[in-house]
Amino acid sequence: MVWLGGLITLLTIVLWVYAFFDALTCPAEEVRTLPKVLWLLVIVLFAVVGPLLWLFLGRPHTRPGTVVSSVPAVSADHLDPSDFHRPSGRSVPLGPDDDPEFLQRLNKRINPED
């Protein structure tokens, strides 16, 4: 029976940590019922009941089948496919694999006899 008490304690701690960080990272304008700061206080002060209240009353609503994203939805209808094949106009390479001098030095290190 001691292991059951330990399991319940462990589950309570996991639930508390999950609810606390979920409330902490949730955008303030999406929180329901109470302001975000009050939800954090409820979770911290009422270690067993607070996380359950957060999960059922404070978390933002998500409908089944919807994806919650912090990135606003942008339509790609206005894009022209030929734009993706144009050079960017940058004189500085973005990475080492775009730099011709780096590629030549790398080739010389791999094949010294060339």
N, C-alpha and C. Protein backbone atom coordinates (compact mmCIF):
# COMPACT_ATOMS: atom_id res chain seq x y z
N MET A 1 0.80 -1.20 0.00
CA MET A 1 0.00 0.00 0.00
C MET A 1 0.85 1.27 0.00
N VAL A 2 2.09 1.15 0.43
CA VAL A 2 2.97 2.32 0.43
C VAL A 2 3.24 2.76 -1.00
N TRP A 3 3.36 1.80 -1.92
CA TRP A 3 3.63 2.16 -3.31
C TRP A 3 2.46 2.92 -3.93
N LEU A 4 1.23 2.63 -3.48
CA LEU A 4 0.07 3.34 -3.99
C LEU A 4 0.10 4.82 -3.56
N GLY A 5 0.50 5.06 -2.31
CA GLY A 5 0.65 6.44 -1.84
C GLY A 5 1.74 7.18 -2.61
N GLY A 6 2.84 6.47 -2.88
CA GLY A 6 3.91 7.08 -3.66
C GLY A 6 3.49 7.37 -5.09
N LEU A 7 2.70 6.48 -5.68
CA LEU A 7 2.21 6.69 -7.04
C LEU A 7 1.25 7.88 -7.10
N ILE A 8 0.38 7.98 -6.13
CA ILE A 8 -0.56 9.12 -6.09
C ILE A 8 0.21 10.43 -5.90
N THR A 9 1.22 10.41 -5.04
CA THR A 9 2.04 11.60 -4.84
C THR A 9 2.77 11.99 -6.12
N LEU A 10 3.33 11.00 -6.81
CA LEU A 10 4.04 11.28 -8.06
C LEU A 10 3.09 11.83 -9.11
N LEU A 11 1.91 11.27 -9.24
CA LEU A 11 0.93 11.77 -10.21
C LEU A 11 0.48 13.19 -9.87
N THR A 12 0.35 13.48 -8.58
CA THR A 12 -0.03 14.83 -8.16
C THR A 12 1.06 15.84 -8.53
N ILE A 13 2.31 15.46 -8.33
CA ILE A 13 3.43 16.36 -8.67
C ILE A 13 3.49 16.57 -10.17
N VAL A 14 3.33 15.52 -10.94
CA VAL A 14 3.37 15.63 -12.41
C VAL A 14 2.22 16.52 -12.89
N LEU A 15 1.03 16.33 -12.35
CA LEU A 15 -0.12 17.15 -12.73
C LEU A 15 0.11 18.61 -12.36
N TRP A 16 0.69 18.85 -11.19
CA TRP A 16 0.95 20.22 -10.75
C TRP A 16 1.96 20.91 -11.68
N VAL A 17 3.05 20.20 -11.99
CA VAL A 17 4.08 20.79 -12.87
C VAL A 17 3.51 21.05 -14.26
N TYR A 18 2.74 20.09 -14.79
CA TYR A 18 2.14 20.28 -16.11
C TYR A 18 1.20 21.49 -16.12
N ALA A 19 0.32 21.57 -15.15
CA ALA A 19 -0.65 22.67 -15.10
C ALA A 19 0.06 24.01 -14.92
N PHE A 20 1.09 24.05 -14.08
CA PHE A 20 1.80 25.31 -13.85
C PHE A 20 2.46 25.81 -15.13
N PHE A 21 3.20 24.94 -15.81
CA PHE A 21 3.88 25.37 -17.03
C PHE A 21 2.92 25.60 -18.18
N ASP A 22 1.82 24.87 -18.20
CA ASP A 22 0.80 25.11 -19.22
C ASP A 22 0.18 26.49 -19.02
N ALA A 23 -0.13 26.84 -17.79
CA ALA A 23 -0.70 28.16 -17.51
C ALA A 23 0.34 29.26 -17.74
N LEU A 24 1.57 28.98 -17.44
CA LEU A 24 2.63 29.97 -17.62
C LEU A 24 2.87 30.29 -19.09
N THR A 25 2.80 29.29 -19.95
CA THR A 25 3.09 29.49 -21.36
C THR A 25 1.87 29.83 -22.20
N CYS A 26 0.70 29.73 -21.63
CA CYS A 26 -0.54 30.04 -22.37
C CYS A 26 -0.64 31.55 -22.57
N PRO A 27 -1.03 32.00 -23.76
CA PRO A 27 -1.22 33.44 -23.97
C PRO A 27 -2.32 33.99 -23.04
N ALA A 28 -2.06 35.14 -22.46
CA ALA A 28 -2.97 35.71 -21.46
C ALA A 28 -4.36 35.99 -22.02
N GLU A 29 -4.47 36.33 -23.30
CA GLU A 29 -5.78 36.65 -23.86
C GLU A 29 -6.63 35.41 -24.12
N GLU A 30 -6.04 34.21 -24.07
CA GLU A 30 -6.80 32.99 -24.31
C GLU A 30 -7.26 32.31 -23.01
N VAL A 31 -6.77 32.78 -21.87
CA VAL A 31 -7.11 32.17 -20.58
C VAL A 31 -8.56 32.49 -20.25
N ARG A 32 -9.29 31.48 -19.73
CA ARG A 32 -10.70 31.65 -19.40
C ARG A 32 -10.89 31.89 -17.91
N THR A 33 -12.01 32.41 -17.54
CA THR A 33 -12.55 32.56 -16.19
C THR A 33 -11.81 33.56 -15.31
N LEU A 34 -10.52 33.41 -15.11
CA LEU A 34 -9.71 34.31 -14.27
C LEU A 34 -8.53 34.85 -15.06
N PRO A 35 -7.94 35.95 -14.61
CA PRO A 35 -6.70 36.42 -15.24
C PRO A 35 -5.57 35.39 -15.04
N LYS A 36 -4.60 35.44 -15.90
CA LYS A 36 -3.51 34.46 -15.90
C LYS A 36 -2.76 34.45 -14.57
N VAL A 37 -2.50 35.61 -14.00
CA VAL A 37 -1.76 35.68 -12.73
C VAL A 37 -2.53 34.98 -11.61
N LEU A 38 -3.84 35.17 -11.59
CA LEU A 38 -4.65 34.50 -10.56
C LEU A 38 -4.66 32.99 -10.76
N TRP A 39 -4.67 32.54 -12.00
CA TRP A 39 -4.61 31.10 -12.24
C TRP A 39 -3.29 30.53 -11.74
N LEU A 40 -2.20 31.25 -11.95
CA LEU A 40 -0.91 30.77 -11.44
C LEU A 40 -0.92 30.68 -9.92
N LEU A 41 -1.53 31.67 -9.27
CA LEU A 41 -1.63 31.63 -7.81
C LEU A 41 -2.51 30.47 -7.34
N VAL A 42 -3.62 30.24 -8.02
CA VAL A 42 -4.50 29.12 -7.65
C VAL A 42 -3.76 27.80 -7.79
N ILE A 43 -3.00 27.64 -8.86
CA ILE A 43 -2.26 26.39 -9.08
C ILE A 43 -1.19 26.20 -8.00
N VAL A 44 -0.50 27.28 -7.65
CA VAL A 44 0.57 27.17 -6.65
C VAL A 44 0.00 26.96 -5.25
N LEU A 45 -1.03 27.69 -4.88
CA LEU A 45 -1.54 27.61 -3.51
C LEU A 45 -2.38 26.37 -3.24
N PHE A 46 -3.14 25.92 -4.20
CA PHE A 46 -3.99 24.75 -4.03
C PHE A 46 -3.44 23.62 -4.89
N ALA A 47 -2.42 22.94 -4.37
CA ALA A 47 -1.63 21.99 -5.15
C ALA A 47 -2.42 20.84 -5.75
N VAL A 48 -3.47 20.39 -5.12
CA VAL A 48 -4.23 19.27 -5.67
C VAL A 48 -5.41 19.75 -6.50
N VAL A 49 -6.16 20.70 -5.99
CA VAL A 49 -7.37 21.17 -6.66
C VAL A 49 -7.05 22.20 -7.74
N GLY A 50 -6.03 23.02 -7.53
CA GLY A 50 -5.68 24.08 -8.47
C GLY A 50 -5.40 23.60 -9.88
N PRO A 51 -4.54 22.58 -10.05
CA PRO A 51 -4.28 22.09 -11.41
C PRO A 51 -5.53 21.52 -12.08
N LEU A 52 -6.39 20.86 -11.32
CA LEU A 52 -7.62 20.32 -11.90
C LEU A 52 -8.55 21.45 -12.33
N LEU A 53 -8.64 22.50 -11.51
CA LEU A 53 -9.46 23.65 -11.88
C LEU A 53 -8.93 24.31 -13.15
N TRP A 54 -7.59 24.41 -13.25
CA TRP A 54 -6.99 24.99 -14.45
C TRP A 54 -7.34 24.17 -15.69
N LEU A 55 -7.23 22.85 -15.58
CA LEU A 55 -7.49 22.00 -16.73
C LEU A 55 -8.94 22.09 -17.19
N PHE A 56 -9.87 22.20 -16.26
CA PHE A 56 -11.28 22.19 -16.64
C PHE A 56 -11.89 23.58 -16.83
N LEU A 57 -11.37 24.59 -16.14
CA LEU A 57 -11.99 25.91 -16.19
C LEU A 57 -11.12 27.01 -16.78
N GLY A 58 -9.81 26.83 -16.81
CA GLY A 58 -8.94 27.92 -17.21
C GLY A 58 -8.28 27.79 -18.56
N ARG A 59 -8.04 26.56 -19.00
CA ARG A 59 -7.36 26.36 -20.28
C ARG A 59 -8.19 26.89 -21.43
N PRO A 60 -7.53 27.34 -22.49
CA PRO A 60 -8.28 27.78 -23.68
C PRO A 60 -9.04 26.62 -24.30
N HIS A 61 -10.18 26.93 -24.88
CA HIS A 61 -10.97 25.90 -25.56
C HIS A 61 -10.28 25.48 -26.85
N THR A 62 -10.25 24.20 -27.10
CA THR A 62 -9.83 23.70 -28.40
C THR A 62 -10.88 22.71 -28.86
N ARG A 63 -11.32 22.89 -30.09
CA ARG A 63 -12.29 21.96 -30.64
C ARG A 63 -11.57 20.74 -31.18
N PRO A 64 -12.16 19.56 -31.11
CA PRO A 64 -11.51 18.37 -31.65
C PRO A 64 -11.22 18.55 -33.14
N GLY A 65 -10.02 18.18 -33.52
CA GLY A 65 -9.64 18.27 -34.93
C GLY A 65 -9.02 19.60 -35.32
N THR A 66 -8.94 20.56 -34.39
CA THR A 66 -8.32 21.84 -34.71
C THR A 66 -6.91 21.87 -34.16
N VAL A 67 -6.07 22.59 -34.85
CA VAL A 67 -4.69 22.73 -34.43
C VAL A 67 -4.52 24.14 -33.88
N VAL A 68 -4.02 24.23 -32.65
CA VAL A 68 -3.79 25.53 -32.04
C VAL A 68 -2.38 25.96 -32.38
N SER A 69 -2.26 27.14 -32.96
CA SER A 69 -0.96 27.64 -33.37
C SER A 69 -0.86 29.11 -33.02
N SER A 70 0.34 29.54 -32.61
CA SER A 70 0.55 30.95 -32.30
C SER A 70 0.89 31.73 -33.56
N VAL A 71 1.11 31.05 -34.69
CA VAL A 71 1.42 31.69 -35.95
C VAL A 71 0.10 32.00 -36.66
N PRO A 72 -0.11 33.25 -37.05
CA PRO A 72 -1.36 33.56 -37.73
C PRO A 72 -1.43 32.86 -39.08
N ALA A 73 -2.62 32.48 -39.47
CA ALA A 73 -2.80 31.80 -40.75
C ALA A 73 -2.58 32.80 -41.89
N VAL A 74 -1.73 32.41 -42.85
CA VAL A 74 -1.41 33.26 -43.98
C VAL A 74 -1.71 32.48 -45.24
N SER A 75 -2.37 33.10 -46.16
CA SER A 75 -2.70 32.45 -47.42
C SER A 75 -1.53 32.59 -48.38
N ALA A 76 -1.27 31.55 -49.14
CA ALA A 76 -0.19 31.58 -50.13
C ALA A 76 -0.75 31.82 -51.53
N ASP A 77 -2.00 32.27 -51.63
CA ASP A 77 -2.63 32.47 -52.94
C ASP A 77 -1.98 33.60 -53.74
N HIS A 78 -1.41 34.58 -53.06
CA HIS A 78 -0.83 35.72 -53.74
C HIS A 78 0.60 35.47 -54.21
N LEU A 79 1.19 34.34 -53.89
CA LEU A 79 2.58 34.06 -54.24
C LEU A 79 2.67 33.55 -55.68
N ASP A 80 3.75 33.92 -56.33
CA ASP A 80 4.02 33.45 -57.69
C ASP A 80 5.10 32.37 -57.59
N PRO A 81 4.89 31.19 -58.16
CA PRO A 81 5.91 30.12 -58.05
C PRO A 81 7.26 30.51 -58.62
N SER A 82 7.29 31.43 -59.59
CA SER A 82 8.58 31.83 -60.16
C SER A 82 9.41 32.65 -59.17
N ASP A 83 8.78 33.19 -58.12
CA ASP A 83 9.53 33.95 -57.12
C ASP A 83 10.53 33.08 -56.36
N PHE A 84 10.24 31.80 -56.26
CA PHE A 84 11.10 30.93 -55.47
C PHE A 84 12.38 30.55 -56.19
N HIS A 85 12.45 30.77 -57.49
CA HIS A 85 13.63 30.41 -58.26
C HIS A 85 14.53 31.60 -58.54
N ARG A 86 14.12 32.77 -58.15
CA ARG A 86 14.95 33.96 -58.35
C ARG A 86 16.05 34.01 -57.31
N PRO A 87 17.22 34.53 -57.70
CA PRO A 87 18.26 34.73 -56.69
C PRO A 87 17.83 35.81 -55.70
N SER A 88 18.29 35.67 -54.49
CA SER A 88 17.85 36.58 -53.43
C SER A 88 18.46 37.96 -53.55
N GLY A 89 19.52 38.12 -54.33
CA GLY A 89 20.15 39.42 -54.46
C GLY A 89 21.16 39.69 -53.35
N ARG A 90 21.41 38.71 -52.50
CA ARG A 90 22.38 38.88 -51.43
C ARG A 90 23.78 38.61 -51.97
N SER A 91 24.71 39.44 -51.59
CA SER A 91 26.10 39.21 -51.99
C SER A 91 26.82 38.31 -50.99
N VAL A 92 26.28 38.18 -49.80
CA VAL A 92 26.88 37.35 -48.76
C VAL A 92 26.14 36.01 -48.72
N PRO A 93 26.88 34.88 -48.73
CA PRO A 93 26.19 33.58 -48.67
C PRO A 93 25.47 33.40 -47.34
N LEU A 94 24.36 32.67 -47.37
CA LEU A 94 23.61 32.40 -46.15
C LEU A 94 24.30 31.37 -45.27
N GLY A 95 24.92 30.40 -45.85
CA GLY A 95 25.59 29.35 -45.09
C GLY A 95 26.84 28.88 -45.82
N PRO A 96 27.63 28.00 -45.19
CA PRO A 96 28.86 27.56 -45.83
C PRO A 96 28.61 26.79 -47.12
N ASP A 97 27.48 26.11 -47.25
CA ASP A 97 27.23 25.37 -48.47
C ASP A 97 26.85 26.27 -49.64
N ASP A 98 26.60 27.57 -49.39
CA ASP A 98 26.33 28.55 -50.44
C ASP A 98 27.57 29.33 -50.83
N ASP A 99 28.65 29.16 -50.12
CA ASP A 99 29.87 29.92 -50.34
C ASP A 99 30.80 29.14 -51.28
N PRO A 100 31.06 29.65 -52.49
CA PRO A 100 31.90 28.91 -53.43
C PRO A 100 33.34 28.73 -52.93
N GLU A 101 33.88 29.72 -52.23
CA GLU A 101 35.25 29.60 -51.71
C GLU A 101 35.33 28.47 -50.67
N PHE A 102 34.36 28.39 -49.80
CA PHE A 102 34.34 27.32 -48.81
C PHE A 102 34.26 25.96 -49.49
N LEU A 103 33.43 25.84 -50.51
CA LEU A 103 33.29 24.57 -51.22
C LEU A 103 34.59 24.18 -51.92
N GLN A 104 35.32 25.17 -52.47
CA GLN A 104 36.61 24.87 -53.10
C GLN A 104 37.63 24.40 -52.07
N ARG A 105 37.68 25.07 -50.91
CA ARG A 105 38.61 24.65 -49.86
C ARG A 105 38.26 23.25 -49.35
N LEU A 106 36.99 22.98 -49.21
CA LEU A 106 36.54 21.67 -48.76
C LEU A 106 36.91 20.59 -49.77
N ASN A 107 36.74 20.90 -51.03
CA ASN A 107 37.10 19.95 -52.09
C ASN A 107 38.60 19.67 -52.07
N LYS A 108 39.42 20.70 -51.82
CA LYS A 108 40.88 20.51 -51.76
C LYS A 108 41.27 19.67 -50.56
N ARG A 109 40.54 19.82 -49.44
CA ARG A 109 40.84 19.00 -48.26
C ARG A 109 40.46 17.55 -48.48
N ILE A 110 39.38 17.31 -49.23
CA ILE A 110 38.94 15.95 -49.48
C ILE A 110 39.81 15.29 -50.54
N ASN A 111 40.11 16.01 -51.61
CA ASN A 111 40.94 15.48 -52.71
C ASN A 111 42.17 16.36 -52.86
N PRO A 112 43.26 16.13 -52.12
CA PRO A 112 44.43 17.00 -52.19
C PRO A 112 45.17 16.94 -53.51
N GLU A 113 45.05 15.84 -54.27
CA GLU A 113 45.79 15.74 -55.53
C GLU A 113 45.16 16.53 -56.66
N ASP A 114 43.96 17.05 -56.50
CA ASP A 114 43.31 17.84 -57.57
C ASP A 114 43.82 19.23 -57.60
